[in-house]
Amino acid sequence: MTVVVTVRETAEGTLVAAADADCLGETYEDGAVSLTVEASFYDGEDAERVPAETAVERLADADTANLVGEDCVTAALEAGLVDEGGVLEVDGTLHAQVVWM
């Protein structure tokens, strides 16, 4: 599966936004929770399309991360970069937001 990854420098540090390519533009809803995977946030001219394992490598220098999709989140879990307790499942899609301090 291809993952779309964008690395941005922000006032708070390095942000990595990564989403499974097939999630782009989708909205997932589960009760009061709604998750829209905006292409403008995850994709763009600085984005890379890479395998999930490569997307996880981009997290090495991140201060924060926003991850969406089965492949992307599962790879981060397997690498030990995301705690299973911090993963949400919204309408069958995995989502994790991570802050490293």
PDB file of N, CA and C in Angstrom:
ATOM      1  N   MET A   1       0.844  -1.192   0.000  1.00  0.00           N
ATOM      2  CA  MET A   1       0.000   0.000   0.000  1.00  0.00           C
ATOM      3  C   MET A   1       0.876   1.237   0.000  1.00  0.00           C
ATOM      4  N   THR A   2       0.481   2.205  -0.742  1.00  0.00           N
ATOM      5  CA  THR A   2       1.193   3.476  -0.811  1.00  0.00           C
ATOM      6  C   THR A   2       0.677   4.426   0.267  1.00  0.00           C
ATOM      7  N   VAL A   3       1.613   5.088   0.929  1.00  0.00           N
ATOM      8  CA  VAL A   3       1.298   6.075   1.951  1.00  0.00           C
ATOM      9  C   VAL A   3       1.779   7.437   1.450  1.00  0.00           C
ATOM     10  N   VAL A   4       0.953   8.453   1.638  1.00  0.00           N
ATOM     11  CA  VAL A   4       1.310   9.823   1.275  1.00  0.00           C
ATOM     12  C   VAL A   4       1.847  10.489   2.538  1.00  0.00           C
ATOM     13  N   VAL A   5       3.071  11.033   2.445  1.00  0.00           N
ATOM     14  CA  VAL A   5       3.737  11.619   3.608  1.00  0.00           C
ATOM     15  C   VAL A   5       4.163  13.052   3.292  1.00  0.00           C
ATOM     16  N   THR A   6       3.861  13.944   4.217  1.00  0.00           N
ATOM     17  CA  THR A   6       4.325  15.318   4.128  1.00  0.00           C
ATOM     18  C   THR A   6       5.024  15.665   5.432  1.00  0.00           C
ATOM     19  N   VAL A   7       6.209  16.240   5.323  1.00  0.00           N
ATOM     20  CA  VAL A   7       6.972  16.694   6.483  1.00  0.00           C
ATOM     21  C   VAL A   7       6.989  18.214   6.448  1.00  0.00           C
ATOM     22  N   ARG A   8       6.555  18.828   7.564  1.00  0.00           N
ATOM     23  CA  ARG A   8       6.489  20.291   7.636  1.00  0.00           C
ATOM     24  C   ARG A   8       7.226  20.775   8.882  1.00  0.00           C
ATOM     25  N   GLU A   9       7.866  21.912   8.753  1.00  0.00           N
ATOM     26  CA  GLU A   9       8.433  22.581   9.917  1.00  0.00           C
ATOM     27  C   GLU A   9       7.398  23.576  10.422  1.00  0.00           C
ATOM     28  N   THR A  10       7.073  23.484  11.707  1.00  0.00           N
ATOM     29  CA  THR A  10       6.100  24.382  12.324  1.00  0.00           C
ATOM     30  C   THR A  10       6.757  25.064  13.518  1.00  0.00           C
ATOM     31  N   ALA A  11       6.057  26.003  14.117  1.00  0.00           N
ATOM     32  CA  ALA A  11       6.565  26.679  15.313  1.00  0.00           C
ATOM     33  C   ALA A  11       6.772  25.694  16.461  1.00  0.00           C
ATOM     34  N   GLU A  12       6.037  24.593  16.438  1.00  0.00           N
ATOM     35  CA  GLU A  12       6.137  23.574  17.489  1.00  0.00           C
ATOM     36  C   GLU A  12       7.144  22.482  17.146  1.00  0.00           C
ATOM     37  N   GLY A  13       7.764  22.543  15.983  1.00  0.00           N
ATOM     38  CA  GLY A  13       8.733  21.525  15.584  1.00  0.00           C
ATOM     39  C   GLY A  13       8.321  20.849  14.287  1.00  0.00           C
ATOM     40  N   THR A  14       8.890  19.687  14.052  1.00  0.00           N
ATOM     41  CA  THR A  14       8.649  18.952  12.812  1.00  0.00           C
ATOM     42  C   THR A  14       7.363  18.139  12.920  1.00  0.00           C
ATOM     43  N   LEU A  15       6.465  18.342  11.968  1.00  0.00           N
ATOM     44  CA  LEU A  15       5.195  17.622  11.886  1.00  0.00           C
ATOM     45  C   LEU A  15       5.248  16.683  10.694  1.00  0.00           C
ATOM     46  N   VAL A  16       4.911  15.418  10.933  1.00  0.00           N
ATOM     47  CA  VAL A  16       4.774  14.453   9.850  1.00  0.00           C
ATOM     48  C   VAL A  16       3.299  14.094   9.730  1.00  0.00           C
ATOM     49  N   ALA A  17       2.745  14.313   8.547  1.00  0.00           N
ATOM     50  CA  ALA A  17       1.371  13.932   8.240  1.00  0.00           C
ATOM     51  C   ALA A  17       1.444  12.782   7.248  1.00  0.00           C
ATOM     52  N   ALA A  18       0.850  11.645   7.599  1.00  0.00           N
ATOM     53  CA  ALA A  18       0.916  10.468   6.734  1.00  0.00           C
ATOM     54  C   ALA A  18      -0.446   9.789   6.686  1.00  0.00           C
ATOM     55  N   ALA A  19      -0.846   9.409   5.473  1.00  0.00           N
ATOM     56  CA  ALA A  19      -2.134   8.742   5.289  1.00  0.00           C
ATOM     57  C   ALA A  19      -2.031   7.727   4.161  1.00  0.00           C
ATOM     58  N   ASP A  20      -2.701   6.600   4.335  1.00  0.00           N
ATOM     59  CA  ASP A  20      -2.811   5.651   3.232  1.00  0.00           C
ATOM     60  C   ASP A  20      -3.426   6.396   2.046  1.00  0.00           C
ATOM     61  N   ALA A  21      -2.869   6.193   0.864  1.00  0.00           N
ATOM     62  CA  ALA A  21      -3.311   6.949  -0.321  1.00  0.00           C
ATOM     63  C   ALA A  21      -4.804   6.796  -0.576  1.00  0.00           C
ATOM     64  N   ASP A  22      -5.354   5.621  -0.299  1.00  0.00           N
ATOM     65  CA  ASP A  22      -6.778   5.418  -0.579  1.00  0.00           C
ATOM     66  C   ASP A  22      -7.690   6.109   0.432  1.00  0.00           C
ATOM     67  N   CYS A  23      -7.113   6.712   1.478  1.00  0.00           N
ATOM     68  CA  CYS A  23      -7.907   7.454   2.461  1.00  0.00           C
ATOM     69  C   CYS A  23      -8.079   8.923   2.088  1.00  0.00           C
ATOM     70  N   LEU A  24      -7.226   9.428   1.194  1.00  0.00           N
ATOM     71  CA  LEU A  24      -7.285  10.846   0.840  1.00  0.00           C
ATOM     72  C   LEU A  24      -8.669  11.240   0.326  1.00  0.00           C
ATOM     73  N   GLY A  25      -9.179  12.330   0.872  1.00  0.00           N
ATOM     74  CA  GLY A  25     -10.474  12.846   0.443  1.00  0.00           C
ATOM     75  C   GLY A  25     -11.664  12.163   1.091  1.00  0.00           C
ATOM     76  N   GLU A  26     -11.416  11.138   1.883  1.00  0.00           N
ATOM     77  CA  GLU A  26     -12.512  10.394   2.525  1.00  0.00           C
ATOM     78  C   GLU A  26     -12.891  11.027   3.861  1.00  0.00           C
ATOM     79  N   THR A  27     -14.130  10.818   4.264  1.00  0.00           N
ATOM     80  CA  THR A  27     -14.609  11.207   5.592  1.00  0.00           C
ATOM     81  C   THR A  27     -15.118   9.958   6.289  1.00  0.00           C
ATOM     82  N   TYR A  28     -14.655   9.776   7.512  1.00  0.00           N
ATOM     83  CA  TYR A  28     -15.044   8.620   8.321  1.00  0.00           C
ATOM     84  C   TYR A  28     -15.798   9.142   9.530  1.00  0.00           C
ATOM     85  N   GLU A  29     -16.934   8.512   9.838  1.00  0.00           N
ATOM     86  CA  GLU A  29     -17.759   8.968  10.945  1.00  0.00           C
ATOM     87  C   GLU A  29     -18.139   7.809  11.835  1.00  0.00           C
ATOM     88  N   ASP A  30     -18.132   8.101  13.146  1.00  0.00           N
ATOM     89  CA  ASP A  30     -18.522   7.108  14.140  1.00  0.00           C
ATOM     90  C   ASP A  30     -19.172   7.865  15.288  1.00  0.00           C
ATOM     91  N   GLY A  31     -20.483   7.945  15.268  1.00  0.00           N
ATOM     92  CA  GLY A  31     -21.200   8.717  16.273  1.00  0.00           C
ATOM     93  C   GLY A  31     -20.845  10.182  16.173  1.00  0.00           C
ATOM     94  N   ALA A  32     -20.351  10.736  17.288  1.00  0.00           N
ATOM     95  CA  ALA A  32     -20.006  12.152  17.327  1.00  0.00           C
ATOM     96  C   ALA A  32     -18.631  12.442  16.722  1.00  0.00           C
ATOM     97  N   VAL A  33     -17.877  11.396  16.412  1.00  0.00           N
ATOM     98  CA  VAL A  33     -16.520  11.578  15.869  1.00  0.00           C
ATOM     99  C   VAL A  33     -16.557  11.572  14.349  1.00  0.00           C
ATOM    100  N   SER A  34     -15.936  12.580  13.755  1.00  0.00           N
ATOM    101  CA  SER A  34     -15.836  12.673  12.309  1.00  0.00           C
ATOM    102  C   SER A  34     -14.386  12.963  11.943  1.00  0.00           C
ATOM    103  N   LEU A  35     -13.849  12.209  11.001  1.00  0.00           N
ATOM    104  CA  LEU A  35     -12.469  12.367  10.559  1.00  0.00           C
ATOM    105  C   LEU A  35     -12.458  12.541   9.049  1.00  0.00           C
ATOM    106  N   THR A  36     -12.060  13.727   8.591  1.00  0.00           N
ATOM    107  CA  THR A  36     -11.940  13.991   7.164  1.00  0.00           C
ATOM    108  C   THR A  36     -10.463  14.036   6.820  1.00  0.00           C
ATOM    109  N   VAL A  37     -10.059  13.237   5.859  1.00  0.00           N
ATOM    110  CA  VAL A  37      -8.659  13.141   5.452  1.00  0.00           C
ATOM    111  C   VAL A  37      -8.459  14.115   4.296  1.00  0.00           C
ATOM    112  N   GLU A  38      -8.166  15.351   4.651  1.00  0.00           N
ATOM    113  CA  GLU A  38      -8.045  16.430   3.679  1.00  0.00           C
ATOM    114  C   GLU A  38      -6.780  16.273   2.843  1.00  0.00           C
ATOM    115  N   ALA A  39      -6.939  16.230   1.543  1.00  0.00           N
ATOM    116  CA  ALA A  39      -5.790  16.151   0.651  1.00  0.00           C
ATOM    117  C   ALA A  39      -4.885  17.368   0.838  1.00  0.00           C
ATOM    118  N   SER A  40      -5.467  18.524   1.164  1.00  0.00           N
ATOM    119  CA  SER A  40      -4.666  19.735   1.340  1.00  0.00           C
ATOM    120  C   SER A  40      -3.719  19.630   2.534  1.00  0.00           C
ATOM    121  N   PHE A  41      -3.999  18.762   3.495  1.00  0.00           N
ATOM    122  CA  PHE A  41      -3.146  18.577   4.661  1.00  0.00           C
ATOM    123  C   PHE A  41      -2.113  17.477   4.435  1.00  0.00           C
ATOM    124  N   TYR A  42      -2.533  16.379   3.850  1.00  0.00           N
ATOM    125  CA  TYR A  42      -1.661  15.206   3.700  1.00  0.00           C
ATOM    126  C   TYR A  42      -0.897  15.182   2.373  1.00  0.00           C
ATOM    127  N   ASP A  43      -1.431  15.815   1.355  1.00  0.00           N
ATOM    128  CA  ASP A  43      -0.854  15.745   0.017  1.00  0.00           C
ATOM    129  C   ASP A  43      -0.421  17.149  -0.408  1.00  0.00           C
ATOM    130  N   GLY A  44       0.303  17.245  -1.460  1.00  0.00           N
ATOM    131  CA  GLY A  44       0.744  18.541  -1.970  1.00  0.00           C
ATOM    132  C   GLY A  44       2.062  18.387  -2.684  1.00  0.00           C
ATOM    133  N   GLU A  45       2.633  19.503  -3.095  1.00  0.00           N
ATOM    134  CA  GLU A  45       3.850  19.428  -3.905  1.00  0.00           C
ATOM    135  C   GLU A  45       5.045  18.886  -3.127  1.00  0.00           C
ATOM    136  N   ASP A  46       5.053  18.973  -1.802  1.00  0.00           N
ATOM    137  CA  ASP A  46       6.148  18.434  -1.003  1.00  0.00           C
ATOM    138  C   ASP A  46       5.893  17.003  -0.526  1.00  0.00           C
ATOM    139  N   ALA A  47       4.755  16.451  -0.872  1.00  0.00           N
ATOM    140  CA  ALA A  47       4.400  15.107  -0.409  1.00  0.00           C
ATOM    141  C   ALA A  47       5.178  14.033  -1.156  1.00  0.00           C
ATOM    142  N   GLU A  48       5.406  12.931  -0.468  1.00  0.00           N
ATOM    143  CA  GLU A  48       6.017  11.745  -1.068  1.00  0.00           C
ATOM    144  C   GLU A  48       4.991  10.629  -1.067  1.00  0.00           C
ATOM    145  N   ARG A  49       5.060   9.776  -2.037  1.00  0.00           N
ATOM    146  CA  ARG A  49       4.258   8.551  -2.062  1.00  0.00           C
ATOM    147  C   ARG A  49       5.238   7.403  -1.881  1.00  0.00           C
ATOM    148  N   VAL A  50       5.137   6.739  -0.722  1.00  0.00           N
ATOM    149  CA  VAL A  50       6.137   5.748  -0.330  1.00  0.00           C
ATOM    150  C   VAL A  50       5.463   4.534   0.305  1.00  0.00           C
ATOM    151  N   PRO A  51       6.198   3.417   0.437  1.00  0.00           N
ATOM    152  CA  PRO A  51       5.663   2.277   1.191  1.00  0.00           C
ATOM    153  C   PRO A  51       5.501   2.664   2.670  1.00  0.00           C
ATOM    154  N   ALA A  52       4.650   1.964   3.382  1.00  0.00           N
ATOM    155  CA  ALA A  52       4.382   2.269   4.793  1.00  0.00           C
ATOM    156  C   ALA A  52       5.651   2.257   5.633  1.00  0.00           C
ATOM    157  N   GLU A  53       6.557   1.337   5.366  1.00  0.00           N
ATOM    158  CA  GLU A  53       7.793   1.254   6.140  1.00  0.00           C
ATOM    159  C   GLU A  53       8.646   2.513   5.969  1.00  0.00           C
ATOM    160  N   THR A  54       8.666   3.068   4.772  1.00  0.00           N
ATOM    161  CA  THR A  54       9.410   4.304   4.519  1.00  0.00           C
ATOM    162  C   THR A  54       8.724   5.475   5.212  1.00  0.00           C
ATOM    163  N   ALA A  55       7.408   5.484   5.228  1.00  0.00           N
ATOM    164  CA  ALA A  55       6.667   6.538   5.926  1.00  0.00           C
ATOM    165  C   ALA A  55       7.043   6.548   7.403  1.00  0.00           C
ATOM    166  N   VAL A  56       7.180   5.363   7.992  1.00  0.00           N
ATOM    167  CA  VAL A  56       7.554   5.261   9.404  1.00  0.00           C
ATOM    168  C   VAL A  56       8.960   5.819   9.631  1.00  0.00           C
ATOM    169  N   GLU A  57       9.849   5.626   8.687  1.00  0.00           N
ATOM    170  CA  GLU A  57      11.206   6.180   8.805  1.00  0.00           C
ATOM    171  C   GLU A  57      11.161   7.700   8.921  1.00  0.00           C
ATOM    172  N   ARG A  58      10.195   8.341   8.284  1.00  0.00           N
ATOM    173  CA  ARG A  58      10.079   9.796   8.333  1.00  0.00           C
ATOM    174  C   ARG A  58       9.718  10.277   9.742  1.00  0.00           C
ATOM    175  N   LEU A  59       9.166   9.385  10.572  1.00  0.00           N
ATOM    176  CA  LEU A  59       8.772   9.752  11.924  1.00  0.00           C
ATOM    177  C   LEU A  59       9.966   9.907  12.856  1.00  0.00           C
ATOM    178  N   ALA A  60      11.135   9.422  12.457  1.00  0.00           N
ATOM    179  CA  ALA A  60      12.315   9.433  13.325  1.00  0.00           C
ATOM    180  C   ALA A  60      12.672  10.834  13.817  1.00  0.00           C
ATOM    181  N   ASP A  61      12.496  11.842  12.992  1.00  0.00           N
ATOM    182  CA  ASP A  61      12.860  13.207  13.361  1.00  0.00           C
ATOM    183  C   ASP A  61      11.652  14.071  13.702  1.00  0.00           C
ATOM    184  N   ALA A  62      10.489  13.459  13.804  1.00  0.00           N
ATOM    185  CA  ALA A  62       9.265  14.229  14.034  1.00  0.00           C
ATOM    186  C   ALA A  62       9.082  14.583  15.508  1.00  0.00           C
ATOM    187  N   ASP A  63       8.462  15.739  15.737  1.00  0.00           N
ATOM    188  CA  ASP A  63       8.032  16.124  17.074  1.00  0.00           C
ATOM    189  C   ASP A  63       6.564  15.771  17.270  1.00  0.00           C
ATOM    190  N   THR A  64       5.794  15.853  16.171  1.00  0.00           N
ATOM    191  CA  THR A  64       4.389  15.473  16.187  1.00  0.00           C
ATOM    192  C   THR A  64       4.073  14.718  14.905  1.00  0.00           C
ATOM    193  N   ALA A  65       3.028  13.896  14.971  1.00  0.00           N
ATOM    194  CA  ALA A  65       2.619  13.151  13.782  1.00  0.00           C
ATOM    195  C   ALA A  65       1.114  12.977  13.786  1.00  0.00           C
ATOM    196  N   ASN A  66       0.568  12.944  12.586  1.00  0.00           N
ATOM    197  CA  ASN A  66      -0.846  12.693  12.375  1.00  0.00           C
ATOM    198  C   ASN A  66      -0.913  11.581  11.337  1.00  0.00           C
ATOM    199  N   LEU A  67      -1.426  10.414  11.730  1.00  0.00           N
ATOM    200  CA  LEU A  67      -1.407   9.219  10.891  1.00  0.00           C
ATOM    201  C   LEU A  67      -2.817   8.697  10.670  1.00  0.00           C
ATOM    202  N   VAL A  68      -3.121   8.325   9.417  1.00  0.00           N
ATOM    203  CA  VAL A  68      -4.437   7.791   9.090  1.00  0.00           C
ATOM    204  C   VAL A  68      -4.281   6.603   8.152  1.00  0.00           C
ATOM    205  N   GLY A  69      -5.002   5.539   8.457  1.00  0.00           N
ATOM    206  CA  GLY A  69      -5.050   4.390   7.560  1.00  0.00           C
ATOM    207  C   GLY A  69      -4.449   3.128   8.175  1.00  0.00           C
ATOM    208  N   GLU A  70      -4.969   2.018   7.778  1.00  0.00           N
ATOM    209  CA  GLU A  70      -4.550   0.710   8.292  1.00  0.00           C
ATOM    210  C   GLU A  70      -3.051   0.478   8.113  1.00  0.00           C
ATOM    211  N   ASP A  71      -2.536   0.668   6.910  1.00  0.00           N
ATOM    212  CA  ASP A  71      -1.126   0.379   6.640  1.00  0.00           C
ATOM    213  C   ASP A  71      -0.199   1.324   7.386  1.00  0.00           C
ATOM    214  N   CYS A  72      -0.498   2.585   7.328  1.00  0.00           N
ATOM    215  CA  CYS A  72       0.324   3.613   7.955  1.00  0.00           C
ATOM    216  C   CYS A  72       0.386   3.423   9.475  1.00  0.00           C
ATOM    217  N   VAL A  73      -0.751   3.316  10.110  1.00  0.00           N
ATOM    218  CA  VAL A  73      -0.811   3.201  11.569  1.00  0.00           C
ATOM    219  C   VAL A  73      -0.248   1.857  12.021  1.00  0.00           C
ATOM    220  N   THR A  74      -0.558   0.781  11.316  1.00  0.00           N
ATOM    221  CA  THR A  74      -0.039  -0.538  11.691  1.00  0.00           C
ATOM    222  C   THR A  74       1.485  -0.565  11.613  1.00  0.00           C
ATOM    223  N   ALA A  75       2.067   0.038  10.596  1.00  0.00           N
ATOM    224  CA  ALA A  75       3.526   0.089  10.479  1.00  0.00           C
ATOM    225  C   ALA A  75       4.134   0.867  11.648  1.00  0.00           C
ATOM    226  N   ALA A  76       3.503   1.958  12.048  1.00  0.00           N
ATOM    227  CA  ALA A  76       3.991   2.746  13.184  1.00  0.00           C
ATOM    228  C   ALA A  76       3.858   1.958  14.489  1.00  0.00           C
ATOM    229  N   LEU A  77       2.777   1.203  14.640  1.00  0.00           N
ATOM    230  CA  LEU A  77       2.608   0.336  15.809  1.00  0.00           C
ATOM    231  C   LEU A  77       3.707  -0.721  15.857  1.00  0.00           C
ATOM    232  N   GLU A  78       3.935  -1.386  14.729  1.00  0.00           N
ATOM    233  CA  GLU A  78       4.937  -2.445  14.664  1.00  0.00           C
ATOM    234  C   GLU A  78       6.341  -1.922  14.933  1.00  0.00           C
ATOM    235  N   ALA A  79       6.599  -0.664  14.584  1.00  0.00           N
ATOM    236  CA  ALA A  79       7.905  -0.053  14.826  1.00  0.00           C
ATOM    237  C   ALA A  79       8.046   0.446  16.273  1.00  0.00           C
ATOM    238  N   GLY A  80       6.961   0.373  17.043  1.00  0.00           N
ATOM    239  CA  GLY A  80       6.997   0.820  18.424  1.00  0.00           C
ATOM    240  C   GLY A  80       6.927   2.330  18.587  1.00  0.00           C
ATOM    241  N   LEU A  81       6.492   3.031  17.549  1.00  0.00           N
ATOM    242  CA  LEU A  81       6.416   4.486  17.592  1.00  0.00           C
ATOM    243  C   LEU A  81       5.060   5.005  18.027  1.00  0.00           C
ATOM    244  N   VAL A  82       4.083   4.135  18.036  1.00  0.00           N
ATOM    245  CA  VAL A  82       2.723   4.487  18.446  1.00  0.00           C
ATOM    246  C   VAL A  82       2.270   3.432  19.439  1.00  0.00           C
ATOM    247  N   ASP A  83       1.630   3.880  20.506  1.00  0.00           N
ATOM    248  CA  ASP A  83       1.075   2.973  21.506  1.00  0.00           C
ATOM    249  C   ASP A  83      -0.334   2.557  21.083  1.00  0.00           C
ATOM    250  N   GLU A  84      -0.619   1.282  21.178  1.00  0.00           N
ATOM    251  CA  GLU A  84      -1.919   0.770  20.741  1.00  0.00           C
ATOM    252  C   GLU A  84      -3.081   1.471  21.439  1.00  0.00           C
ATOM    253  N   GLY A  85      -2.881   1.877  22.690  1.00  0.00           N
ATOM    254  CA  GLY A  85      -3.930   2.560  23.436  1.00  0.00           C
ATOM    255  C   GLY A  85      -4.246   3.941  22.897  1.00  0.00           C
ATOM    256  N   GLY A  86      -3.359   4.495  22.082  1.00  0.00           N
ATOM    257  CA  GLY A  86      -3.568   5.817  21.514  1.00  0.00           C
ATOM    258  C   GLY A  86      -4.141   5.815  20.114  1.00  0.00           C
ATOM    259  N   VAL A  87      -4.499   4.627  19.625  1.00  0.00           N
ATOM    260  CA  VAL A  87      -5.039   4.514  18.271  1.00  0.00           C
ATOM    261  C   VAL A  87      -6.557   4.496  18.321  1.00  0.00           C
ATOM    262  N   LEU A  88      -7.169   5.337  17.526  1.00  0.00           N
ATOM    263  CA  LEU A  88      -8.625   5.359  17.396  1.00  0.00           C
ATOM    264  C   LEU A  88      -9.031   4.592  16.146  1.00  0.00           C
ATOM    265  N   GLU A  89     -10.172   3.961  16.210  1.00  0.00           N
ATOM    266  CA  GLU A  89     -10.759   3.376  15.011  1.00  0.00           C
ATOM    267  C   GLU A  89     -12.043   4.141  14.738  1.00  0.00           C
ATOM    268  N   VAL A  90     -12.064   4.825  13.603  1.00  0.00           N
ATOM    269  CA  VAL A  90     -13.220   5.637  13.223  1.00  0.00           C
ATOM    270  C   VAL A  90     -13.789   5.049  11.944  1.00  0.00           C
ATOM    271  N   ASP A  91     -14.978   4.495  12.048  1.00  0.00           N
ATOM    272  CA  ASP A  91     -15.659   3.923  10.877  1.00  0.00           C
ATOM    273  C   ASP A  91     -14.764   2.912  10.151  1.00  0.00           C
ATOM    274  N   GLY A  92     -14.018   2.108  10.938  1.00  0.00           N
ATOM    275  CA  GLY A  92     -13.174   1.068  10.371  1.00  0.00           C
ATOM    276  C   GLY A  92     -11.795   1.521   9.938  1.00  0.00           C
ATOM    277  N   THR A  93     -11.476   2.805  10.129  1.00  0.00           N
ATOM    278  CA  THR A  93     -10.182   3.342   9.724  1.00  0.00           C
ATOM    279  C   THR A  93      -9.369   3.731  10.957  1.00  0.00           C
ATOM    280  N   LEU A  94      -8.084   3.361  10.963  1.00  0.00           N
ATOM    281  CA  LEU A  94      -7.220   3.672  12.096  1.00  0.00           C
ATOM    282  C   LEU A  94      -6.686   5.093  11.999  1.00  0.00           C
ATOM    283  N   HIS A  95      -6.565   5.735  13.180  1.00  0.00           N
ATOM    284  CA  HIS A  95      -6.063   7.110  13.253  1.00  0.00           C
ATOM    285  C   HIS A  95      -5.254   7.269  14.535  1.00  0.00           C
ATOM    286  N   ALA A  96      -4.096   7.918  14.428  1.00  0.00           N
ATOM    287  CA  ALA A  96      -3.288   8.210  15.598  1.00  0.00           C
ATOM    288  C   ALA A  96      -2.681   9.601  15.469  1.00  0.00           C
ATOM    289  N   GLN A  97      -2.681  10.317  16.573  1.00  0.00           N
ATOM    290  CA  GLN A  97      -1.973  11.585  16.662  1.00  0.00           C
ATOM    291  C   GLN A  97      -0.931  11.398  17.758  1.00  0.00           C
ATOM    292  N   VAL A  98       0.312  11.785  17.468  1.00  0.00           N
ATOM    293  CA  VAL A  98       1.405  11.511  18.373  1.00  0.00           C
ATOM    294  C   VAL A  98       2.199  12.784  18.627  1.00  0.00           C
ATOM    295  N   VAL A  99       2.593  12.969  19.888  1.00  0.00           N
ATOM    296  CA  VAL A  99       3.479  14.061  20.265  1.00  0.00           C
ATOM    297  C   VAL A  99       4.622  13.433  21.057  1.00  0.00           C
ATOM    298  N   TRP A 100       5.846  13.677  20.597  1.00  0.00           N
ATOM    299  CA  TRP A 100       7.015  13.197  21.319  1.00  0.00           C
ATOM    300  C   TRP A 100       7.608  14.358  22.078  1.00  0.00           C
ATOM    301  N   MET A 101       7.942  14.126  23.354  1.00  0.00           N
ATOM    302  CA  MET A 101       8.508  15.189  24.190  1.00  0.00           C
ATOM    303  C   MET A 101       9.864  14.768  24.696  1.00  0.00           C
TER     304      MET A 101
END
